[in-house]
Amino acid sequence: MSDQIRTNLLNRTLNHVRNVWQDVSGSAFQKHLKLSPSLPDDEIPQLKDWINSCLNHPGGEVTARQHTAQLGSNYLDMDTDGRLRFLQLLSRDYDVDNNIIEAAIEQWREASPEQRPAARIALRDSLDPPRQRLLTQFTELPDGVKFLVDMRAELLQQLRQQPELATLEADLKRVLVNWFDIGLLRLEQITWQSSAQILEKLIAYEAVHAIQSWDDLKNRLESDRRCFAFFHPNMPDEPLIFVEVALVQGLADNVQTLLDEQAPVLDLSQADTAIFYSISNAQKGLAGISFGNFLIKQVVRKLQQDFPGLKQFSTLSPIPGFTRWLSRQDDEQLAAMPGGADWIQIRQPQWASEWTFGWQQQETIERSYREPLLQLAAHYLAVEKRRGQTALDPVSHFHLSNGAEVARINWLADCSDNGLKQSAGMMVNYLYNLDKITQRVQDYSAEGDVAMSSAVKALLKV
């Protein structure tokens, strides 16, 4: 369901931007740019002339704006190869000029005290590539910010095969960071009464637990559920990131139970715990521009105001890298970990492909796997680090860096195919103790210290 909705949304968005930018181009505009979808070599000079006209403003600001709108419309009409060639051109031919930088450095070194301020400005300007100005011009167009967000999403997809695009991606990220300051974002609650457009996007962008149907979505927006999202004034109909919350009694330990459409709606006067069970970044082009920690803090504040009886704020989170990490450990490495020696003895020969084949329904196997895998998961979350300090698991790093505690590892908490494949069905409760958040953030960021409950420490035998 979500794939089809995502495709329909993308097509509608592209058509909308094309129509808006055709209006911006204006019927009085004398010159027109029409490039082939594949951007063949013989059209590159024409494209460069057009980009230069956007940058140099020969016909004034209005003409440059019209040029930029037509340039963006042509980019939207290109196929995958054409867009790649367009991005490679921006990266290669509109980068900084090293000779200009070196001259500006020399001028700054030789400047008198009175000349230093002007020399410093000239040096700073020399470090801005021409494409930075072009990217900024897109933000002045209707839906131009969304256009750049989607362009960066394509760039990020290309980087592994096209590392020469890294500097262009960094320039584009810098433009977007300036636009997406946290002070500009607004928090909104999404309900069943929200617009159909927003509800469609909730289905399309849900990245943790796929929304299976409209009934599933309605269940997630019931009176004992909450959904909040950040929006930006330049993208008012596009959620940037959203969080789904369940108001329950005690820590939830199974996501299928939490999302059961047949489960009775809880009387909110009985709720003592808010469970954050899904946090989804809706815009791939904003990867690396963090909103999640601000979202959680604002949602906690909002829930405290609305429900003073809430005593706990926790997540029910996946462990996305666990089975992949486990598959890479040799027997010598496993033997040094809690539960590792037992796992070596009991794992099935086909264990690496077994996670999605009903092993959890075989009582003997399920019972024997439970303790060693819980111990190994605790080791993975609390001990395994990236570059010696931050948690290897990305979800764990996110919550630990925001002051959470690894409170409980739940066995067979997600028996979906994806849950079994990525974490042998286990999930984690990260608990946010509001009185200890600040200190835990400091301890984790400074020393890599992982806050954990006595139950998790017991699994590690510490």
Protein backbone atom coordinates (compact mmCIF):
# COMPACT_ATOMS: atom_id res chain seq x y z
CA MET A 1 0.00 0.00 0.00
CA SER A 2 2.69 2.50 1.01
CA ASP A 3 4.76 1.96 -2.18
CA GLN A 4 1.83 2.86 -4.45
CA ILE A 5 0.90 5.87 -2.34
CA ARG A 6 4.55 6.99 -2.34
CA THR A 7 4.67 6.76 -6.16
CA ASN A 8 1.42 8.70 -6.55
CA LEU A 9 2.62 11.41 -4.16
CA LEU A 10 5.91 11.78 -6.02
CA ASN A 11 4.16 12.13 -9.38
CA ARG A 12 1.72 14.71 -8.00
CA THR A 13 4.55 16.68 -6.40
CA LEU A 14 6.61 16.75 -9.60
CA ASN A 15 3.62 17.86 -11.68
CA HIS A 16 2.79 20.59 -9.17
CA VAL A 17 6.34 21.98 -9.18
CA ARG A 18 6.52 21.89 -12.99
CA ASN A 19 3.26 23.84 -13.27
CA VAL A 20 4.30 26.42 -10.67
CA TRP A 21 7.68 26.98 -12.28
CA GLN A 22 6.18 27.30 -15.74
CA ASP A 23 4.16 30.19 -14.34
CA VAL A 24 7.31 31.72 -12.85
CA SER A 25 9.04 31.52 -16.25
CA GLY A 26 6.37 33.81 -17.70
CA SER A 27 4.97 34.03 -21.20
CA ALA A 28 6.92 37.23 -21.86
CA PHE A 29 10.20 35.42 -21.48
CA GLN A 30 11.92 35.40 -24.85
CA LYS A 31 14.41 32.55 -24.46
CA HIS A 32 13.48 29.00 -23.53
CA LEU A 33 15.55 26.06 -22.37
CA LYS A 34 14.54 22.60 -23.56
CA LEU A 35 17.04 19.86 -22.83
CA SER A 36 16.75 16.17 -23.68
CA PRO A 37 15.94 13.84 -20.75
CA SER A 38 19.33 12.10 -21.08
CA LEU A 39 21.32 15.36 -21.39
CA PRO A 40 23.61 14.29 -24.28
CA ASP A 41 27.11 15.77 -24.68
CA ASP A 42 26.13 18.20 -27.42
CA GLU A 43 23.67 19.94 -25.03
CA ILE A 44 26.25 20.55 -22.27
CA PRO A 45 27.46 23.90 -23.73
CA GLN A 46 23.85 25.13 -23.90
CA LEU A 47 23.29 24.09 -20.28
CA LYS A 48 26.46 25.85 -19.13
CA ASP A 49 25.47 29.06 -20.91
CA TRP A 50 22.10 28.88 -19.18
CA ILE A 51 23.62 28.31 -15.72
CA ASN A 52 25.99 31.22 -16.31
CA SER A 53 23.05 33.47 -17.14
CA CYS A 54 21.44 32.45 -13.84
CA LEU A 55 24.62 33.37 -11.98
CA ASN A 56 25.54 36.58 -13.80
CA HIS A 57 22.07 38.19 -14.04
CA PRO A 58 22.58 39.79 -17.50
CA GLY A 59 18.86 40.63 -17.72
CA GLY A 60 18.39 41.54 -14.08
CA GLU A 61 17.04 39.68 -11.05
CA VAL A 62 13.64 38.87 -12.57
CA THR A 63 15.22 37.32 -15.66
CA ALA A 64 17.65 35.32 -13.51
CA ARG A 65 14.71 34.01 -11.48
CA GLN A 66 12.94 32.97 -14.68
CA HIS A 67 16.12 31.28 -15.91
CA THR A 68 16.45 29.38 -12.63
CA ALA A 69 12.83 28.20 -12.80
CA GLN A 70 13.34 26.86 -16.32
CA LEU A 71 16.58 25.20 -15.29
CA GLY A 72 14.81 23.42 -12.44
CA SER A 73 11.93 22.36 -14.70
CA ASN A 74 14.40 20.80 -17.14
CA TYR A 75 16.10 18.95 -14.29
CA LEU A 76 12.75 17.49 -13.20
CA ASP A 77 12.12 16.26 -16.76
CA MET A 78 15.47 14.46 -17.00
CA ASP A 79 15.87 10.73 -16.57
CA THR A 80 18.26 9.18 -14.04
CA ASP A 81 21.29 9.41 -16.36
CA GLY A 82 20.49 12.99 -17.32
CA ARG A 83 20.21 14.10 -13.69
CA LEU A 84 23.50 12.43 -12.86
CA ARG A 85 25.22 14.25 -15.71
CA PHE A 86 23.65 17.52 -14.53
CA LEU A 87 24.93 16.97 -10.98
CA GLN A 88 28.39 15.99 -12.25
CA LEU A 89 28.51 19.22 -14.25
CA LEU A 90 27.66 21.30 -11.16
CA SER A 91 30.27 19.42 -9.15
CA ARG A 92 33.05 19.67 -11.73
CA ASP A 93 32.59 23.04 -13.45
CA TYR A 94 31.07 25.20 -10.71
CA ASP A 95 33.38 24.41 -7.80
CA VAL A 96 35.75 26.86 -6.11
CA ASP A 97 38.73 28.18 -8.06
CA ASN A 98 41.88 27.20 -6.17
CA ASN A 99 43.90 29.96 -7.85
CA ILE A 100 41.44 32.58 -6.59
CA ILE A 101 41.60 31.10 -3.08
CA GLU A 102 45.41 31.16 -3.04
CA ALA A 103 45.44 34.75 -4.28
CA ALA A 104 42.94 35.75 -1.58
CA ILE A 105 45.06 34.06 1.09
CA GLU A 106 48.15 35.93 -0.10
CA GLN A 107 46.25 39.20 -0.18
CA TRP A 108 45.09 38.60 3.41
CA ARG A 109 48.65 37.82 4.56
CA GLU A 110 50.04 40.98 3.00
CA ALA A 111 47.18 43.26 4.03
CA SER A 112 47.78 46.11 6.44
CA PRO A 113 45.66 46.25 9.62
CA GLU A 114 43.32 48.67 7.86
CA GLN A 115 43.00 46.37 4.85
CA ARG A 116 42.52 43.15 6.84
CA PRO A 117 38.67 43.32 7.16
CA ALA A 118 38.20 43.70 3.40
CA ALA A 119 40.80 41.00 2.71
CA ARG A 120 39.06 38.65 5.12
CA ILE A 121 35.72 39.18 3.36
CA ALA A 122 37.35 38.53 -0.02
CA LEU A 123 38.92 35.33 1.30
CA ARG A 124 35.62 34.14 2.72
CA ASP A 125 33.84 34.85 -0.57
CA SER A 126 36.48 32.92 -2.52
CA LEU A 127 35.59 29.80 -0.53
CA ASP A 128 31.98 29.87 -1.75
CA PRO A 129 31.68 27.98 -5.06
CA PRO A 130 29.49 29.50 -7.80
CA ARG A 131 27.04 26.57 -7.51
CA GLN A 132 26.29 27.70 -3.94
CA ARG A 133 24.70 30.85 -5.33
CA LEU A 134 22.77 28.81 -7.88
CA LEU A 135 21.42 26.47 -5.20
CA THR A 136 20.42 29.46 -3.08
CA GLN A 137 18.50 30.92 -6.04
CA PHE A 138 16.27 27.83 -6.09
CA THR A 139 15.15 28.61 -2.53
CA GLU A 140 13.65 31.87 -3.82
CA LEU A 141 11.21 29.96 -6.06
CA PRO A 142 7.86 28.49 -4.95
CA ASP A 143 8.53 24.95 -3.67
CA GLY A 144 12.24 25.56 -4.29
CA VAL A 145 13.26 24.33 -0.85
CA LYS A 146 11.44 21.03 -1.43
CA PHE A 147 13.17 20.82 -4.83
CA LEU A 148 16.59 21.06 -3.13
CA VAL A 149 15.61 18.52 -0.48
CA ASP A 150 14.71 16.02 -3.21
CA MET A 151 17.87 16.86 -5.18
CA ARG A 152 19.98 16.04 -2.13
CA ALA A 153 18.12 12.74 -1.72
CA GLU A 154 19.23 11.83 -5.25
CA LEU A 155 22.77 12.99 -4.52
CA LEU A 156 22.98 10.80 -1.42
CA GLN A 157 21.89 7.80 -3.49
CA GLN A 158 24.65 8.48 -6.01
CA LEU A 159 27.54 9.12 -3.59
CA ARG A 160 28.68 5.52 -3.17
CA GLN A 161 29.22 5.07 -6.91
CA GLN A 162 30.08 8.73 -7.58
CA PRO A 163 32.34 9.96 -4.72
CA GLU A 164 33.32 13.05 -6.75
CA LEU A 165 29.85 14.44 -5.91
CA ALA A 166 30.72 14.71 -2.20
CA THR A 167 31.63 18.41 -2.27
CA LEU A 168 28.42 19.27 -4.11
CA GLU A 169 26.43 17.30 -1.55
CA ALA A 170 28.21 19.16 1.27
CA ASP A 171 27.38 22.53 -0.31
CA LEU A 172 23.74 21.53 -0.69
CA LYS A 173 23.59 20.32 2.90
CA ARG A 174 24.97 23.68 4.05
CA VAL A 175 22.17 25.51 2.21
CA LEU A 176 19.54 23.25 3.78
CA VAL A 177 20.99 23.49 7.30
CA ASN A 178 20.55 27.26 7.12
CA TRP A 179 16.93 26.85 6.05
CA PHE A 180 15.96 24.15 8.51
CA ASP A 181 16.90 25.84 11.74
CA ILE A 182 14.98 24.26 14.61
CA GLY A 183 13.52 27.65 15.52
CA LEU A 184 11.61 27.72 12.23
CA LEU A 185 9.91 24.36 12.71
CA ARG A 186 6.40 23.97 14.08
CA LEU A 187 5.06 20.96 15.95
CA GLU A 188 1.64 19.71 14.87
CA GLN A 189 -0.49 16.80 16.01
CA ILE A 190 -1.77 14.60 13.18
CA THR A 191 -5.24 13.18 13.76
CA TRP A 192 -7.83 11.24 11.78
CA GLN A 193 -9.34 14.66 10.97
CA SER A 194 -6.11 15.90 9.33
CA SER A 195 -6.16 16.41 5.58
CA ALA A 196 -6.18 13.36 3.32
CA GLN A 197 -2.93 14.67 1.81
CA ILE A 198 -1.15 14.55 5.19
CA LEU A 199 -2.61 11.13 6.04
CA GLU A 200 -1.41 9.75 2.70
CA LYS A 201 2.06 11.01 3.45
CA LEU A 202 1.99 9.41 6.89
CA ILE A 203 1.38 6.05 5.20
CA ALA A 204 4.02 6.67 2.53
CA TYR A 205 6.76 7.87 4.89
CA GLU A 206 6.31 5.42 7.78
CA ALA A 207 9.73 3.74 7.88
CA VAL A 208 9.66 1.57 11.01
CA HIS A 209 6.35 -0.33 11.07
CA ALA A 210 4.62 -0.17 7.69
CA ILE A 211 1.00 1.00 7.76
CA GLN A 212 -0.97 -1.81 6.14
CA SER A 213 -4.33 -0.17 5.51
CA TRP A 214 -6.52 2.82 6.26
CA ASP A 215 -7.95 0.86 9.19
CA ASP A 216 -4.41 0.37 10.50
CA LEU A 217 -3.79 4.10 10.22
CA LYS A 218 -7.06 4.94 11.97
CA ASN A 219 -6.11 2.61 14.81
CA ARG A 220 -2.79 4.46 15.21
CA LEU A 221 -4.70 7.72 15.57
CA GLU A 222 -7.23 6.49 18.16
CA SER A 223 -7.86 8.39 21.40
CA ASP A 224 -5.15 6.43 23.25
CA ARG A 225 -2.61 7.15 20.49
CA ARG A 226 -0.83 10.31 19.42
CA CYS A 227 1.12 11.29 16.31
CA PHE A 228 3.19 14.47 16.09
CA ALA A 229 5.23 15.90 13.23
CA PHE A 230 7.55 18.80 12.51
CA PHE A 231 6.66 21.06 9.57
CA HIS A 232 8.61 23.89 7.92
CA PRO A 233 6.91 27.09 6.65
CA ASN A 234 8.42 26.57 3.18
CA MET A 235 7.08 22.99 3.05
CA PRO A 236 3.75 23.36 4.87
CA ASP A 237 2.24 20.15 3.49
CA GLU A 238 5.33 17.97 3.97
CA PRO A 239 6.07 16.41 7.37
CA LEU A 240 9.83 16.44 8.01
CA ILE A 241 9.83 13.85 10.78
CA PHE A 242 7.03 12.30 12.81
CA VAL A 243 6.67 10.20 15.93
CA GLU A 244 3.90 7.78 16.84
CA VAL A 245 3.03 7.39 20.52
CA ALA A 246 0.93 4.88 22.44
CA LEU A 247 -0.50 5.80 25.85
CA VAL A 248 -0.45 2.60 27.91
CA GLN A 249 -0.03 1.06 31.34
CA GLY A 250 3.59 0.05 32.02
CA LEU A 251 6.33 -0.59 29.49
CA ALA A 252 5.04 -2.15 26.26
CA ASP A 253 7.02 -5.23 25.24
CA ASN A 254 5.46 -6.31 21.92
CA VAL A 255 4.78 -4.15 18.88
CA GLN A 256 2.19 -6.50 17.34
CA THR A 257 0.15 -6.25 20.57
CA LEU A 258 0.62 -2.49 20.55
CA LEU A 259 -0.70 -2.21 16.98
CA ASP A 260 -3.50 -4.79 17.27
CA GLU A 261 -6.57 -3.24 15.65
CA GLN A 262 -8.84 -5.47 17.75
CA ALA A 263 -7.39 -4.38 21.10
CA PRO A 264 -9.73 -2.25 23.23
CA VAL A 265 -9.01 1.48 23.44
CA LEU A 266 -7.47 2.33 26.81
CA ASP A 267 -9.22 4.67 29.24
CA LEU A 268 -6.72 7.55 29.27
CA SER A 269 -7.18 8.05 33.02
CA GLN A 270 -5.40 4.68 33.42
CA ALA A 271 -2.41 5.51 31.22
CA ASP A 272 0.86 5.99 33.10
CA THR A 273 3.37 5.50 30.27
CA ALA A 274 3.95 7.07 26.86
CA ILE A 275 5.58 4.64 24.41
CA PHE A 276 7.34 6.14 21.39
CA TYR A 277 7.12 3.18 19.03
CA SER A 278 8.01 4.76 15.68
CA ILE A 279 10.13 7.75 14.67
CA SER A 280 10.34 8.24 10.90
CA ASN A 281 12.37 10.77 8.93
CA ALA A 282 10.02 11.68 6.11
CA GLN A 283 12.52 13.52 3.86
CA LYS A 284 15.52 11.49 2.71
CA GLY A 285 17.15 14.68 1.50
CA LEU A 286 17.39 15.94 5.10
CA ALA A 287 19.46 12.97 6.31
CA GLY A 288 22.15 14.14 8.71
CA ILE A 289 20.17 17.27 9.65
CA SER A 290 18.88 16.23 13.04
CA PHE A 291 15.39 17.02 14.28
CA GLY A 292 14.64 13.87 16.27
CA ASN A 293 16.00 14.98 19.63
CA PHE A 294 14.04 18.25 19.48
CA LEU A 295 10.92 16.38 18.40
CA ILE A 296 11.06 13.98 21.36
CA LYS A 297 11.62 16.80 23.86
CA GLN A 298 8.74 18.88 22.53
CA VAL A 299 6.39 15.90 22.40
CA VAL A 300 7.27 14.92 25.99
CA ARG A 301 6.54 18.49 27.09
CA LYS A 302 3.22 18.45 25.22
CA LEU A 303 2.19 15.07 26.68
CA GLN A 304 3.08 16.20 30.21
CA GLN A 305 0.79 19.18 29.79
CA ASP A 306 -2.09 17.13 28.42
CA PHE A 307 -1.71 14.07 30.67
CA PRO A 308 -0.23 14.91 34.09
CA GLY A 309 -0.68 11.26 35.13
CA LEU A 310 2.08 10.02 32.81
CA LYS A 311 5.05 8.79 34.85
CA GLN A 312 7.23 7.13 32.22
CA PHE A 313 8.42 8.10 28.75
CA SER A 314 9.92 5.21 26.85
CA THR A 315 10.41 3.81 23.38
CA LEU A 316 9.76 0.40 21.93
CA SER A 317 12.59 0.42 19.42
CA PRO A 318 14.04 -1.95 16.81
CA ILE A 319 17.63 -3.21 16.80
CA PRO A 320 18.22 -2.82 13.06
CA GLY A 321 21.83 -4.00 12.87
CA PHE A 322 21.88 -6.91 15.32
CA THR A 323 21.69 -10.02 13.11
CA ARG A 324 23.98 -8.43 10.51
CA TRP A 325 26.55 -7.72 13.23
CA LEU A 326 26.13 -11.21 14.69
CA SER A 327 26.74 -12.85 11.31
CA ARG A 328 30.14 -11.12 11.09
CA GLN A 329 31.50 -12.41 14.39
CA ASP A 330 33.80 -15.44 14.27
CA ASP A 331 33.81 -18.09 16.98
CA GLU A 332 36.79 -16.58 18.78
CA GLN A 333 35.05 -13.21 19.04
CA LEU A 334 31.77 -14.78 20.12
CA ALA A 335 33.41 -16.89 22.81
CA ALA A 336 34.58 -13.71 24.57
CA MET A 337 31.04 -12.29 24.80
CA PRO A 338 28.29 -13.11 27.31
CA GLY A 339 26.12 -15.80 25.75
CA GLY A 340 28.54 -16.27 22.87
CA ALA A 341 29.84 -19.70 23.85
CA ASP A 342 26.31 -21.00 24.31
CA TRP A 343 25.30 -19.56 20.95
CA ILE A 344 28.16 -21.33 19.20
CA GLN A 345 26.96 -24.64 20.63
CA ILE A 346 23.25 -24.36 19.87
CA ARG A 347 22.92 -22.35 16.65
CA GLN A 348 21.60 -24.26 13.68
CA PRO A 349 23.88 -24.74 10.64
CA GLN A 350 21.49 -22.64 8.56
CA TRP A 351 21.05 -20.04 11.29
CA ALA A 352 21.94 -17.06 9.09
CA SER A 353 18.94 -17.65 6.82
CA GLU A 354 16.70 -19.05 9.51
CA TRP A 355 15.38 -15.85 11.06
CA THR A 356 12.38 -15.55 8.75
CA PHE A 357 11.51 -19.25 8.53
CA GLY A 358 9.41 -19.85 11.64
CA TRP A 359 12.17 -20.80 14.06
CA GLN A 360 10.41 -18.77 16.75
CA GLN A 361 7.41 -21.12 16.49
CA GLN A 362 9.52 -24.20 17.27
CA GLU A 363 9.41 -24.30 21.05
CA THR A 364 12.67 -26.18 21.59
CA ILE A 365 14.69 -23.87 19.34
CA GLU A 366 12.99 -20.72 20.62
CA ARG A 367 13.64 -21.64 24.25
CA SER A 368 17.31 -22.49 23.65
CA TYR A 369 17.95 -19.33 21.64
CA ARG A 370 16.38 -16.95 24.11
CA GLU A 371 19.04 -16.42 26.80
CA PRO A 372 22.18 -16.36 24.62
CA LEU A 373 20.60 -14.01 22.08
CA LEU A 374 19.35 -11.68 24.80
CA GLN A 375 22.88 -11.58 26.22
CA LEU A 376 24.46 -10.99 22.83
CA ALA A 377 21.94 -8.24 22.08
CA ALA A 378 22.81 -6.56 25.40
CA HIS A 379 26.50 -6.73 24.46
CA TYR A 380 25.80 -5.33 21.00
CA LEU A 381 23.81 -2.39 22.38
CA ALA A 382 25.95 -1.53 25.39
CA VAL A 383 29.50 -2.52 24.43
CA GLU A 384 29.99 -2.48 20.66
CA LYS A 385 31.10 0.99 19.59
CA ARG A 386 31.85 2.90 16.43
CA ARG A 387 35.25 4.62 16.53
CA GLY A 388 35.58 3.61 20.15
CA GLN A 389 32.89 5.88 21.59
CA THR A 390 29.44 5.97 19.98
CA ALA A 391 27.08 3.00 19.95
CA LEU A 392 27.39 0.84 16.85
CA ASP A 393 23.63 0.47 16.51
CA PRO A 394 22.21 3.70 14.96
CA VAL A 395 18.93 3.62 16.89
CA SER A 396 20.76 3.02 20.14
CA HIS A 397 23.13 5.90 19.41
CA PHE A 398 20.20 8.21 18.71
CA HIS A 399 18.49 7.52 22.02
CA LEU A 400 21.65 7.35 24.13
CA SER A 401 22.85 10.67 22.72
CA ASN A 402 19.52 12.15 23.81
CA GLY A 403 19.87 10.94 27.40
CA ALA A 404 17.95 7.65 27.43
CA GLU A 405 18.73 4.45 29.35
CA VAL A 406 18.76 0.95 27.85
CA ALA A 407 16.01 -0.28 30.15
CA ARG A 408 14.85 -3.65 28.82
CA ILE A 409 15.44 -5.99 25.89
CA ASN A 410 12.20 -7.68 24.89
CA TRP A 411 12.21 -11.21 23.48
CA LEU A 412 10.09 -11.83 20.34
CA ALA A 413 8.72 -8.31 20.52
CA ASP A 414 8.48 -7.96 16.72
CA CYS A 415 7.69 -11.16 14.84
CA SER A 416 7.20 -9.48 11.48
CA ASP A 417 9.50 -10.66 8.71
CA ASN A 418 11.56 -7.50 9.04
CA GLY A 419 11.72 -7.72 12.83
CA LEU A 420 12.92 -11.33 12.72
CA LYS A 421 15.40 -10.64 9.96
CA GLN A 422 17.10 -7.61 11.49
CA SER A 423 17.02 -8.42 15.22
CA ALA A 424 15.79 -12.01 15.69
CA GLY A 425 12.51 -10.42 16.78
CA MET A 426 13.96 -8.49 19.73
CA MET A 427 13.16 -4.87 20.57
CA VAL A 428 14.39 -2.43 23.21
CA ASN A 429 12.75 -0.10 25.70
CA TYR A 430 14.85 3.07 25.92
CA LEU A 431 13.65 4.90 29.03
CA TYR A 432 13.81 8.68 29.35
CA ASN A 433 14.17 9.59 33.02
CA LEU A 434 13.57 13.34 32.82
CA ASP A 435 15.65 14.09 35.93
CA LYS A 436 18.73 12.33 34.50
CA ILE A 437 18.65 13.23 30.82
CA THR A 438 21.14 16.11 30.99
CA GLN A 439 23.76 14.15 32.93
CA ARG A 440 23.39 11.10 30.71
CA VAL A 441 23.81 13.19 27.56
CA GLN A 442 27.04 14.59 29.00
CA ASP A 443 28.35 11.16 30.07
CA TYR A 444 27.62 9.58 26.70
CA SER A 445 28.98 12.42 24.58
CA ALA A 446 32.14 12.83 26.68
CA GLU A 447 33.02 9.24 27.56
CA GLY A 448 30.67 7.01 25.59
CA ASP A 449 29.07 5.83 28.84
CA VAL A 450 25.90 3.80 28.24
CA ALA A 451 23.19 4.15 30.87
CA MET A 452 21.52 0.79 31.47
CA SER A 453 19.12 -0.79 33.93
CA SER A 454 20.00 -3.53 36.40
CA ALA A 455 18.18 -6.03 34.15
CA VAL A 456 20.46 -5.23 31.20
CA LYS A 457 23.53 -5.29 33.45
CA ALA A 458 22.47 -8.76 34.58
CA LEU A 459 22.47 -9.97 30.97
CA LEU A 460 26.03 -8.62 30.63
CA LYS A 461 26.99 -10.15 33.97
CA VAL A 462 28.37 -6.84 35.23
